[in-house]
Amino acid sequence: TYDRTKPRNAVPDTLDAEIIKDGHRFFEDGEKMQLSYAVRNTLRTIGTRASSHIVKKFGMRNALQPDHLTVKLTGSCGQSLGAFSVRGLKLEVQGDANDYVGKGLSGGTITVRPLMSSPLKAEENTIIGNTVLYGATDGFLFASGRAGERFAVRNSGASVVVEGCGSNGCEYMTGGVAVILGRTGANFGAGMTGGMAYVYDPEGVAEDFMNLESILTCAVEHPHWEMQLKGLIARHLEETGSRIAERILSNWDRERLNFLQVCPKEMVDRLPYPLSDEVAKVPAE
């Protein structure tokens, strides 16, 4: 039987307790601040409680700069890094992060890049875990490395750049923009009904890993979509120092031809700009 008189184990405070204490000038007076911490993978939901305080003080639709409070993290972050983070909070990670990065992201910015001392090729190694950006509605995520499975599942508005992902990427996605600068796993785009994705596909094999039941693909032809893609890759380079982003941008006229644009079929006739003349002739199902 369960002994209800037995003392309960104390639950340690999250890192956010320190962030709120150390960043009191930001939370009280709106002063722009930058904080730095070493982290380990037992520290979960970093940024979530801080975001709650931001909403209480400045509101959900605030006028803060995206990096008004920048929190630099070095090491391995635990699950749910930046969950429900809002505008005004930027999390910069040197290291890696576990599952659920940016879960419910609501306007915040998250960047993840390898440690400067890492000998690994970022684009060939996983840097963030599974189920990234689950249910995200706004904000940005830039990760210099691969994401795990179910990347951007049910993303509804966030913009993200990663350098590869596992199976079921962009599953049930309803909004936002996803750029994948590397190979995807199987069943990419299953049930995708909104948003836009771009897959870097120099080998011409990306469609073999896609679920084409609800999506269609084409080359990036219209200037609007090219500008959207190039702009996110440029921001990815700025935020993470990504080598693959740098290589693509330095040879843009050639490399842009290696991208496959992925759009839900039911969105084709609702887009503000056409994908291409060829796609415009294909009736939506």
C-alpha atoms as a PDB file:
ATOM      1  CA  THR A   1       0.000   0.000   0.000  1.00  0.00           C
ATOM      2  CA  TYR A   2       0.997   3.611  -0.513  1.00  0.00           C
ATOM      3  CA  ASP A   3       2.232   5.393   2.609  1.00  0.00           C
ATOM      4  CA  ARG A   4       0.665   8.871   2.465  1.00  0.00           C
ATOM      5  CA  THR A   5       2.582   9.992   5.552  1.00  0.00           C
ATOM      6  CA  LYS A   6       5.911   9.526   3.832  1.00  0.00           C
ATOM      7  CA  PRO A   7       7.558  12.893   3.050  1.00  0.00           C
ATOM      8  CA  ARG A   8       7.470  13.906  -0.603  1.00  0.00           C
ATOM      9  CA  ASN A   9      10.686  14.484  -2.480  1.00  0.00           C
ATOM     10  CA  ALA A  10      11.208  18.171  -3.059  1.00  0.00           C
ATOM     11  CA  VAL A  11      10.996  19.267  -6.681  1.00  0.00           C
ATOM     12  CA  PRO A  12      14.017  21.421  -7.512  1.00  0.00           C
ATOM     13  CA  ASP A  13      13.418  24.823  -9.059  1.00  0.00           C
ATOM     14  CA  THR A  14      13.903  25.245 -12.779  1.00  0.00           C
ATOM     15  CA  LEU A  15      16.582  27.453 -14.289  1.00  0.00           C
ATOM     16  CA  ASP A  16      13.865  30.031 -14.882  1.00  0.00           C
ATOM     17  CA  ALA A  17      13.853  30.859 -11.179  1.00  0.00           C
ATOM     18  CA  GLU A  18      17.431  32.091 -11.626  1.00  0.00           C
ATOM     19  CA  ILE A  19      16.602  33.823 -14.911  1.00  0.00           C
ATOM     20  CA  ILE A  20      13.760  35.759 -13.299  1.00  0.00           C
ATOM     21  CA  LYS A  21      15.942  36.716 -10.335  1.00  0.00           C
ATOM     22  CA  ASP A  22      18.997  37.680 -12.400  1.00  0.00           C
ATOM     23  CA  GLY A  23      16.899  39.494 -14.992  1.00  0.00           C
ATOM     24  CA  HIS A  24      14.830  41.530 -12.548  1.00  0.00           C
ATOM     25  CA  ARG A  25      15.735  44.809 -14.279  1.00  0.00           C
ATOM     26  CA  PHE A  26      14.165  43.475 -17.467  1.00  0.00           C
ATOM     27  CA  PHE A  27      11.073  42.059 -15.791  1.00  0.00           C
ATOM     28  CA  GLU A  28      10.520  45.166 -13.655  1.00  0.00           C
ATOM     29  CA  ASP A  29      11.615  48.034 -15.915  1.00  0.00           C
ATOM     30  CA  GLY A  30      11.943  46.567 -19.406  1.00  0.00           C
ATOM     31  CA  GLU A  31      15.721  47.054 -19.513  1.00  0.00           C
ATOM     32  CA  LYS A  32      17.419  45.134 -22.310  1.00  0.00           C
ATOM     33  CA  MET A  33      19.555  42.355 -20.820  1.00  0.00           C
ATOM     34  CA  GLN A  34      21.745  39.389 -21.656  1.00  0.00           C
ATOM     35  CA  LEU A  35      22.268  36.465 -19.280  1.00  0.00           C
ATOM     36  CA  SER A  36      24.504  33.384 -19.545  1.00  0.00           C
ATOM     37  CA  TYR A  37      24.275  29.941 -17.931  1.00  0.00           C
ATOM     38  CA  ALA A  38      25.852  26.503 -18.160  1.00  0.00           C
ATOM     39  CA  VAL A  39      23.146  23.841 -18.519  1.00  0.00           C
ATOM     40  CA  ARG A  40      22.661  20.080 -18.296  1.00  0.00           C
ATOM     41  CA  ASN A  41      19.914  17.854 -19.647  1.00  0.00           C
ATOM     42  CA  THR A  42      17.993  17.701 -16.371  1.00  0.00           C
ATOM     43  CA  LEU A  43      17.056  21.370 -16.770  1.00  0.00           C
ATOM     44  CA  ARG A  44      13.703  21.300 -18.551  1.00  0.00           C
ATOM     45  CA  THR A  45      11.258  23.916 -19.889  1.00  0.00           C
ATOM     46  CA  ILE A  46      13.905  26.631 -19.922  1.00  0.00           C
ATOM     47  CA  GLY A  47      12.223  29.908 -20.798  1.00  0.00           C
ATOM     48  CA  THR A  48       8.646  28.858 -20.105  1.00  0.00           C
ATOM     49  CA  ARG A  49       8.149  30.509 -16.721  1.00  0.00           C
ATOM     50  CA  ALA A  50      10.118  33.538 -17.895  1.00  0.00           C
ATOM     51  CA  SER A  51       7.690  33.846 -20.810  1.00  0.00           C
ATOM     52  CA  SER A  52       4.774  33.778 -18.385  1.00  0.00           C
ATOM     53  CA  HIS A  53       6.309  36.728 -16.535  1.00  0.00           C
ATOM     54  CA  ILE A  54       6.840  38.571 -19.830  1.00  0.00           C
ATOM     55  CA  VAL A  55       3.157  38.179 -20.707  1.00  0.00           C
ATOM     56  CA  LYS A  56       2.063  39.346 -17.248  1.00  0.00           C
ATOM     57  CA  LYS A  57       4.268  42.451 -17.420  1.00  0.00           C
ATOM     58  CA  PHE A  58       4.256  43.402 -21.110  1.00  0.00           C
ATOM     59  CA  GLY A  59       1.354  41.473 -22.633  1.00  0.00           C
ATOM     60  CA  MET A  60       1.200  38.748 -25.252  1.00  0.00           C
ATOM     61  CA  ARG A  61       1.272  41.168 -28.216  1.00  0.00           C
ATOM     62  CA  ASN A  62       4.083  43.249 -26.762  1.00  0.00           C
ATOM     63  CA  ALA A  63       6.371  45.801 -28.412  1.00  0.00           C
ATOM     64  CA  LEU A  64       9.576  44.254 -27.085  1.00  0.00           C
ATOM     65  CA  GLN A  65      12.497  43.606 -29.393  1.00  0.00           C
ATOM     66  CA  PRO A  66      12.864  39.908 -30.288  1.00  0.00           C
ATOM     67  CA  ASP A  67      16.100  39.752 -28.256  1.00  0.00           C
ATOM     68  CA  HIS A  68      15.099  42.112 -25.452  1.00  0.00           C
ATOM     69  CA  LEU A  69      16.055  39.387 -22.979  1.00  0.00           C
ATOM     70  CA  THR A  70      18.730  37.129 -24.462  1.00  0.00           C
ATOM     71  CA  VAL A  71      19.617  34.001 -22.501  1.00  0.00           C
ATOM     72  CA  LYS A  72      22.816  32.266 -23.620  1.00  0.00           C
ATOM     73  CA  LEU A  73      23.018  28.579 -22.688  1.00  0.00           C
ATOM     74  CA  THR A  74      26.058  26.323 -22.956  1.00  0.00           C
ATOM     75  CA  GLY A  75      25.712  22.539 -22.710  1.00  0.00           C
ATOM     76  CA  SER A  76      22.856  20.072 -23.188  1.00  0.00           C
ATOM     77  CA  CYS A  77      19.363  21.448 -22.586  1.00  0.00           C
ATOM     78  CA  GLY A  78      16.647  19.183 -21.197  1.00  0.00           C
ATOM     79  CA  GLN A  79      13.235  18.567 -22.712  1.00  0.00           C
ATOM     80  CA  SER A  80      10.912  21.356 -23.843  1.00  0.00           C
ATOM     81  CA  LEU A  81      13.521  24.065 -24.343  1.00  0.00           C
ATOM     82  CA  GLY A  82      11.678  27.312 -25.017  1.00  0.00           C
ATOM     83  CA  ALA A  83       8.223  25.764 -24.691  1.00  0.00           C
ATOM     84  CA  PHE A  84       5.563  28.473 -25.154  1.00  0.00           C
ATOM     85  CA  SER A  85       8.252  31.171 -25.385  1.00  0.00           C
ATOM     86  CA  VAL A  86       6.954  34.597 -26.363  1.00  0.00           C
ATOM     87  CA  ARG A  87       8.246  37.678 -28.148  1.00  0.00           C
ATOM     88  CA  GLY A  88      10.946  39.448 -26.177  1.00  0.00           C
ATOM     89  CA  LEU A  89      12.783  36.259 -25.196  1.00  0.00           C
ATOM     90  CA  LYS A  90      15.648  34.814 -27.215  1.00  0.00           C
ATOM     91  CA  LEU A  91      17.363  31.574 -26.220  1.00  0.00           C
ATOM     92  CA  GLU A  92      20.817  30.978 -27.716  1.00  0.00           C
ATOM     93  CA  VAL A  93      22.229  27.489 -27.190  1.00  0.00           C
ATOM     94  CA  GLN A  94      25.766  26.318 -27.796  1.00  0.00           C
ATOM     95  CA  GLY A  95      25.525  22.567 -27.424  1.00  0.00           C
ATOM     96  CA  ASP A  96      22.358  20.569 -28.062  1.00  0.00           C
ATOM     97  CA  ALA A  97      18.797  20.094 -26.846  1.00  0.00           C
ATOM     98  CA  ASN A  98      16.471  17.180 -26.111  1.00  0.00           C
ATOM     99  CA  ASP A  99      12.911  16.555 -27.370  1.00  0.00           C
ATOM    100  CA  TYR A 100      10.094  19.120 -27.704  1.00  0.00           C
ATOM    101  CA  VAL A 101      12.238  22.160 -28.506  1.00  0.00           C
ATOM    102  CA  GLY A 102       9.907  25.105 -29.090  1.00  0.00           C
ATOM    103  CA  LYS A 103       6.761  23.207 -28.128  1.00  0.00           C
ATOM    104  CA  GLY A 104       3.906  25.694 -28.407  1.00  0.00           C
ATOM    105  CA  LEU A 105       6.360  28.434 -29.436  1.00  0.00           C
ATOM    106  CA  SER A 106       4.419  31.695 -29.266  1.00  0.00           C
ATOM    107  CA  GLY A 107       6.705  34.390 -30.645  1.00  0.00           C
ATOM    108  CA  GLY A 108      10.067  33.673 -29.062  1.00  0.00           C
ATOM    109  CA  THR A 109      13.335  32.989 -30.872  1.00  0.00           C
ATOM    110  CA  ILE A 110      15.505  29.900 -30.332  1.00  0.00           C
ATOM    111  CA  THR A 111      18.922  29.236 -31.861  1.00  0.00           C
ATOM    112  CA  VAL A 112      20.953  26.055 -31.406  1.00  0.00           C
ATOM    113  CA  ARG A 113      24.491  25.568 -32.668  1.00  0.00           C
ATOM    114  CA  PRO A 114      27.263  23.090 -31.808  1.00  0.00           C
ATOM    115  CA  LEU A 115      29.960  23.916 -29.300  1.00  0.00           C
ATOM    116  CA  MET A 116      32.858  25.763 -30.896  1.00  0.00           C
ATOM    117  CA  SER A 117      35.110  22.861 -29.882  1.00  0.00           C
ATOM    118  CA  SER A 118      32.959  20.215 -31.605  1.00  0.00           C
ATOM    119  CA  PRO A 119      34.796  18.348 -34.407  1.00  0.00           C
ATOM    120  CA  LEU A 120      31.516  17.041 -35.882  1.00  0.00           C
ATOM    121  CA  LYS A 121      29.934  18.207 -39.114  1.00  0.00           C
ATOM    122  CA  ALA A 122      26.761  19.921 -37.953  1.00  0.00           C
ATOM    123  CA  GLU A 123      24.684  18.948 -40.996  1.00  0.00           C
ATOM    124  CA  GLU A 124      25.456  15.256 -40.429  1.00  0.00           C
ATOM    125  CA  ASN A 125      24.558  15.092 -36.737  1.00  0.00           C
ATOM    126  CA  THR A 126      21.385  15.518 -34.698  1.00  0.00           C
ATOM    127  CA  ILE A 127      21.411  18.614 -32.506  1.00  0.00           C
ATOM    128  CA  ILE A 128      17.754  18.799 -31.391  1.00  0.00           C
ATOM    129  CA  GLY A 129      15.469  15.904 -30.489  1.00  0.00           C
ATOM    130  CA  ASN A 130      12.046  14.664 -31.537  1.00  0.00           C
ATOM    131  CA  THR A 131       8.722  16.496 -31.871  1.00  0.00           C
ATOM    132  CA  VAL A 132      10.212  19.942 -32.360  1.00  0.00           C
ATOM    133  CA  LEU A 133       7.785  22.908 -32.618  1.00  0.00           C
ATOM    134  CA  TYR A 134       4.760  20.799 -31.720  1.00  0.00           C
ATOM    135  CA  GLY A 135       1.771  23.134 -31.937  1.00  0.00           C
ATOM    136  CA  ALA A 136       3.914  26.259 -32.402  1.00  0.00           C
ATOM    137  CA  THR A 137       1.981  29.373 -33.442  1.00  0.00           C
ATOM    138  CA  ASP A 138       4.657  32.062 -33.912  1.00  0.00           C
ATOM    139  CA  GLY A 139       8.374  32.694 -33.565  1.00  0.00           C
ATOM    140  CA  PHE A 140      11.654  31.434 -35.009  1.00  0.00           C
ATOM    141  CA  LEU A 141      13.904  28.407 -34.566  1.00  0.00           C
ATOM    142  CA  PHE A 142      17.328  28.045 -36.161  1.00  0.00           C
ATOM    143  CA  ALA A 143      19.274  24.837 -35.516  1.00  0.00           C
ATOM    144  CA  SER A 144      22.668  24.151 -37.079  1.00  0.00           C
ATOM    145  CA  GLY A 145      22.276  20.392 -37.250  1.00  0.00           C
ATOM    146  CA  ARG A 146      19.609  17.763 -37.810  1.00  0.00           C
ATOM    147  CA  ALA A 147      16.285  17.469 -35.982  1.00  0.00           C
ATOM    148  CA  GLY A 148      14.811  14.172 -34.810  1.00  0.00           C
ATOM    149  CA  GLU A 149      11.518  12.565 -35.808  1.00  0.00           C
ATOM    150  CA  ARG A 150       8.156  14.362 -36.102  1.00  0.00           C
ATOM    151  CA  PHE A 151       9.896  17.652 -36.767  1.00  0.00           C
ATOM    152  CA  ALA A 152       7.452  20.615 -36.892  1.00  0.00           C
ATOM    153  CA  VAL A 153       4.488  18.331 -36.241  1.00  0.00           C
ATOM    154  CA  ARG A 154       1.331  20.466 -36.077  1.00  0.00           C
ATOM    155  CA  ASN A 155       3.338  23.654 -36.586  1.00  0.00           C
ATOM    156  CA  SER A 156       0.802  26.423 -37.058  1.00  0.00           C
ATOM    157  CA  GLY A 157       2.862  29.555 -37.584  1.00  0.00           C
ATOM    158  CA  ALA A 158       6.540  29.380 -36.614  1.00  0.00           C
ATOM    159  CA  SER A 159       9.424  29.717 -39.079  1.00  0.00           C
ATOM    160  CA  VAL A 160      12.268  27.223 -38.773  1.00  0.00           C
ATOM    161  CA  VAL A 161      15.519  26.220 -40.436  1.00  0.00           C
ATOM    162  CA  VAL A 162      17.243  22.902 -39.693  1.00  0.00           C
ATOM    163  CA  GLU A 163      19.825  20.859 -41.580  1.00  0.00           C
ATOM    164  CA  GLY A 164      17.900  17.598 -41.887  1.00  0.00           C
ATOM    165  CA  CYS A 165      15.170  15.722 -39.998  1.00  0.00           C
ATOM    166  CA  GLY A 166      13.905  12.247 -39.174  1.00  0.00           C
ATOM    167  CA  SER A 167      10.675  10.560 -40.232  1.00  0.00           C
ATOM    168  CA  ASN A 168       7.243  12.244 -40.256  1.00  0.00           C
ATOM    169  CA  GLY A 169       8.608  15.760 -40.724  1.00  0.00           C
ATOM    170  CA  CYS A 170       6.014  18.557 -41.073  1.00  0.00           C
ATOM    171  CA  GLU A 171       3.263  16.089 -40.181  1.00  0.00           C
ATOM    172  CA  TYR A 172      -0.163  17.767 -39.816  1.00  0.00           C
ATOM    173  CA  MET A 173       1.469  21.172 -40.327  1.00  0.00           C
ATOM    174  CA  THR A 174      -1.123  23.930 -40.742  1.00  0.00           C
ATOM    175  CA  GLY A 175       0.998  27.093 -40.967  1.00  0.00           C
ATOM    176  CA  GLY A 176       4.447  28.601 -40.805  1.00  0.00           C
ATOM    177  CA  VAL A 177       7.534  27.958 -42.917  1.00  0.00           C
ATOM    178  CA  ALA A 178      10.011  25.088 -42.628  1.00  0.00           C
ATOM    179  CA  VAL A 179      13.375  25.001 -44.408  1.00  0.00           C
ATOM    180  CA  ILE A 180      15.316  21.728 -44.347  1.00  0.00           C
ATOM    181  CA  LEU A 181      18.900  22.023 -45.559  1.00  0.00           C
ATOM    182  CA  GLY A 182      19.443  18.274 -45.719  1.00  0.00           C
ATOM    183  CA  ARG A 183      17.770  14.902 -46.063  1.00  0.00           C
ATOM    184  CA  THR A 184      14.407  14.138 -44.499  1.00  0.00           C
ATOM    185  CA  GLY A 185      13.140  10.862 -43.125  1.00  0.00           C
ATOM    186  CA  ALA A 186      10.195   8.894 -44.512  1.00  0.00           C
ATOM    187  CA  ASN A 187       6.593  10.141 -44.645  1.00  0.00           C
ATOM    188  CA  PHE A 188       7.490  13.815 -44.895  1.00  0.00           C
ATOM    189  CA  GLY A 189       4.459  16.108 -45.154  1.00  0.00           C
ATOM    190  CA  ALA A 190       1.836  13.542 -44.141  1.00  0.00           C
ATOM    191  CA  GLY A 191      -1.450  15.334 -43.472  1.00  0.00           C
ATOM    192  CA  MET A 192       0.120  18.738 -44.130  1.00  0.00           C
ATOM    193  CA  THR A 193      -2.707  21.208 -44.828  1.00  0.00           C
ATOM    194  CA  GLY A 194      -1.059  24.624 -44.456  1.00  0.00           C
ATOM    195  CA  GLY A 195       2.199  26.502 -44.400  1.00  0.00           C
ATOM    196  CA  MET A 196       5.137  25.985 -46.733  1.00  0.00           C
ATOM    197  CA  ALA A 197       8.272  23.839 -46.719  1.00  0.00           C
ATOM    198  CA  TYR A 198      11.508  23.927 -48.684  1.00  0.00           C
ATOM    199  CA  VAL A 199      13.799  20.902 -48.895  1.00  0.00           C
ATOM    200  CA  TYR A 200      17.392  21.101 -50.105  1.00  0.00           C
ATOM    201  CA  ASP A 201      17.636  18.204 -52.539  1.00  0.00           C
ATOM    202  CA  PRO A 202      20.824  18.238 -54.645  1.00  0.00           C
ATOM    203  CA  GLU A 203      20.585  14.451 -55.095  1.00  0.00           C
ATOM    204  CA  GLY A 204      17.014  14.579 -56.404  1.00  0.00           C
ATOM    205  CA  VAL A 205      15.675  11.952 -53.981  1.00  0.00           C
ATOM    206  CA  ALA A 206      13.503  14.017 -51.602  1.00  0.00           C
ATOM    207  CA  GLU A 207      10.184  12.978 -53.165  1.00  0.00           C
ATOM    208  CA  ASP A 208      10.989   9.322 -52.398  1.00  0.00           C
ATOM    209  CA  PHE A 209      10.657  10.191 -48.707  1.00  0.00           C
ATOM    210  CA  MET A 210       7.460  12.245 -48.982  1.00  0.00           C
ATOM    211  CA  ASN A 211       3.813  11.389 -48.465  1.00  0.00           C
ATOM    212  CA  LEU A 212       2.368  12.987 -51.606  1.00  0.00           C
ATOM    213  CA  GLU A 213      -1.275  12.355 -50.702  1.00  0.00           C
ATOM    214  CA  SER A 214      -1.904  15.909 -49.488  1.00  0.00           C
ATOM    215  CA  ILE A 215       1.092  17.842 -50.855  1.00  0.00           C
ATOM    216  CA  LEU A 216       2.657  18.729 -54.167  1.00  0.00           C
ATOM    217  CA  THR A 217       6.186  19.766 -55.020  1.00  0.00           C
ATOM    218  CA  CYS A 218       7.812  22.087 -57.516  1.00  0.00           C
ATOM    219  CA  ALA A 219      10.961  24.094 -58.095  1.00  0.00           C
ATOM    220  CA  VAL A 220      11.258  27.472 -56.363  1.00  0.00           C
ATOM    221  CA  GLU A 221      10.354  29.792 -59.243  1.00  0.00           C
ATOM    222  CA  HIS A 222       8.365  32.823 -58.107  1.00  0.00           C
ATOM    223  CA  PRO A 223      10.484  35.726 -56.725  1.00  0.00           C
ATOM    224  CA  HIS A 224       8.284  35.969 -53.611  1.00  0.00           C
ATOM    225  CA  TRP A 225       8.963  32.395 -52.550  1.00  0.00           C
ATOM    226  CA  GLU A 226      12.631  32.649 -53.505  1.00  0.00           C
ATOM    227  CA  MET A 227      12.941  35.745 -51.311  1.00  0.00           C
ATOM    228  CA  GLN A 228      11.239  33.939 -48.421  1.00  0.00           C
ATOM    229  CA  LEU A 229      13.591  30.970 -48.720  1.00  0.00           C
ATOM    230  CA  LYS A 230      16.778  32.979 -49.186  1.00  0.00           C
ATOM    231  CA  GLY A 231      15.869  35.326 -46.335  1.00  0.00           C
ATOM    232  CA  LEU A 232      15.448  32.469 -43.860  1.00  0.00           C
ATOM    233  CA  ILE A 233      18.702  30.828 -44.927  1.00  0.00           C
ATOM    234  CA  ALA A 234      20.516  34.162 -44.531  1.00  0.00           C
ATOM    235  CA  ARG A 235      19.031  34.556 -41.042  1.00  0.00           C
ATOM    236  CA  HIS A 236      20.072  30.976 -40.257  1.00  0.00           C
ATOM    237  CA  LEU A 237      23.653  31.809 -41.210  1.00  0.00           C
ATOM    238  CA  GLU A 238      23.577  34.979 -39.127  1.00  0.00           C
ATOM    239  CA  GLU A 239      22.198  33.198 -36.060  1.00  0.00           C
ATOM    240  CA  THR A 240      24.195  29.950 -36.163  1.00  0.00           C
ATOM    241  CA  GLY A 241      27.202  30.417 -38.438  1.00  0.00           C
ATOM    242  CA  SER A 242      26.010  27.383 -40.414  1.00  0.00           C
ATOM    243  CA  ARG A 243      28.580  26.171 -42.934  1.00  0.00           C
ATOM    244  CA  ILE A 244      25.999  24.640 -45.249  1.00  0.00           C
ATOM    245  CA  ALA A 245      23.971  27.868 -45.246  1.00  0.00           C
ATOM    246  CA  GLU A 246      27.105  29.830 -46.085  1.00  0.00           C
ATOM    247  CA  ARG A 247      27.908  27.474 -48.958  1.00  0.00           C
ATOM    248  CA  ILE A 248      24.381  27.661 -50.381  1.00  0.00           C
ATOM    249  CA  LEU A 249      24.225  31.447 -50.224  1.00  0.00           C
ATOM    250  CA  SER A 250      27.659  31.909 -51.780  1.00  0.00           C
ATOM    251  CA  ASN A 251      26.466  29.923 -54.816  1.00  0.00           C
ATOM    252  CA  TRP A 252      22.823  30.988 -54.727  1.00  0.00           C
ATOM    253  CA  ASP A 253      22.102  31.162 -58.459  1.00  0.00           C
ATOM    254  CA  ARG A 254      23.087  27.512 -58.787  1.00  0.00           C
ATOM    255  CA  GLU A 255      22.016  26.175 -55.385  1.00  0.00           C
ATOM    256  CA  ARG A 256      18.482  27.593 -55.495  1.00  0.00           C
ATOM    257  CA  LEU A 257      17.781  25.097 -58.279  1.00  0.00           C
ATOM    258  CA  ASN A 258      18.450  22.290 -55.786  1.00  0.00           C
ATOM    259  CA  PHE A 259      15.482  23.234 -53.587  1.00  0.00           C
ATOM    260  CA  LEU A 260      12.105  21.540 -53.729  1.00  0.00           C
ATOM    261  CA  GLN A 261       9.147  23.641 -52.636  1.00  0.00           C
ATOM    262  CA  VAL A 262       6.454  21.691 -50.779  1.00  0.00           C
ATOM    263  CA  CYS A 263       2.907  23.055 -50.624  1.00  0.00           C
ATOM    264  CA  PRO A 264      -0.366  21.499 -49.423  1.00  0.00           C
ATOM    265  CA  LYS A 265      -2.669  20.814 -52.369  1.00  0.00           C
ATOM    266  CA  GLU A 266      -5.616  22.550 -50.743  1.00  0.00           C
ATOM    267  CA  MET A 267      -3.607  25.776 -50.393  1.00  0.00           C
ATOM    268  CA  VAL A 268      -2.544  26.118 -54.033  1.00  0.00           C
ATOM    269  CA  ASP A 269      -5.479  28.301 -55.083  1.00  0.00           C
ATOM    270  CA  ARG A 270      -5.332  30.359 -51.863  1.00  0.00           C
ATOM    271  CA  LEU A 271      -1.725  31.503 -52.043  1.00  0.00           C
ATOM    272  CA  PRO A 272      -0.957  35.225 -52.407  1.00  0.00           C
ATOM    273  CA  TYR A 273       1.511  34.358 -55.190  1.00  0.00           C
ATOM    274  CA  PRO A 274       1.529  31.379 -57.583  1.00  0.00           C
ATOM    275  CA  LEU A 275       4.057  28.609 -57.172  1.00  0.00           C
ATOM    276  CA  SER A 276       4.683  28.312 -60.902  1.00  0.00           C
ATOM    277  CA  ASP A 277       2.753  28.337 -64.178  1.00  0.00           C
ATOM    278  CA  GLU A 278       2.832  24.548 -64.275  1.00  0.00           C
ATOM    279  CA  VAL A 279       1.406  24.115 -60.764  1.00  0.00           C
ATOM    280  CA  ALA A 280      -1.298  26.709 -61.449  1.00  0.00           C
ATOM    281  CA  LYS A 281      -2.765  24.319 -64.011  1.00  0.00           C
ATOM    282  CA  VAL A 282      -3.071  21.461 -61.497  1.00  0.00           C
ATOM    283  CA  PRO A 283      -6.541  21.421 -59.857  1.00  0.00           C
ATOM    284  CA  ALA A 284      -6.576  21.166 -56.068  1.00  0.00           C
ATOM    285  CA  GLU A 285      -8.041  17.921 -54.721  1.00  0.00           C
END
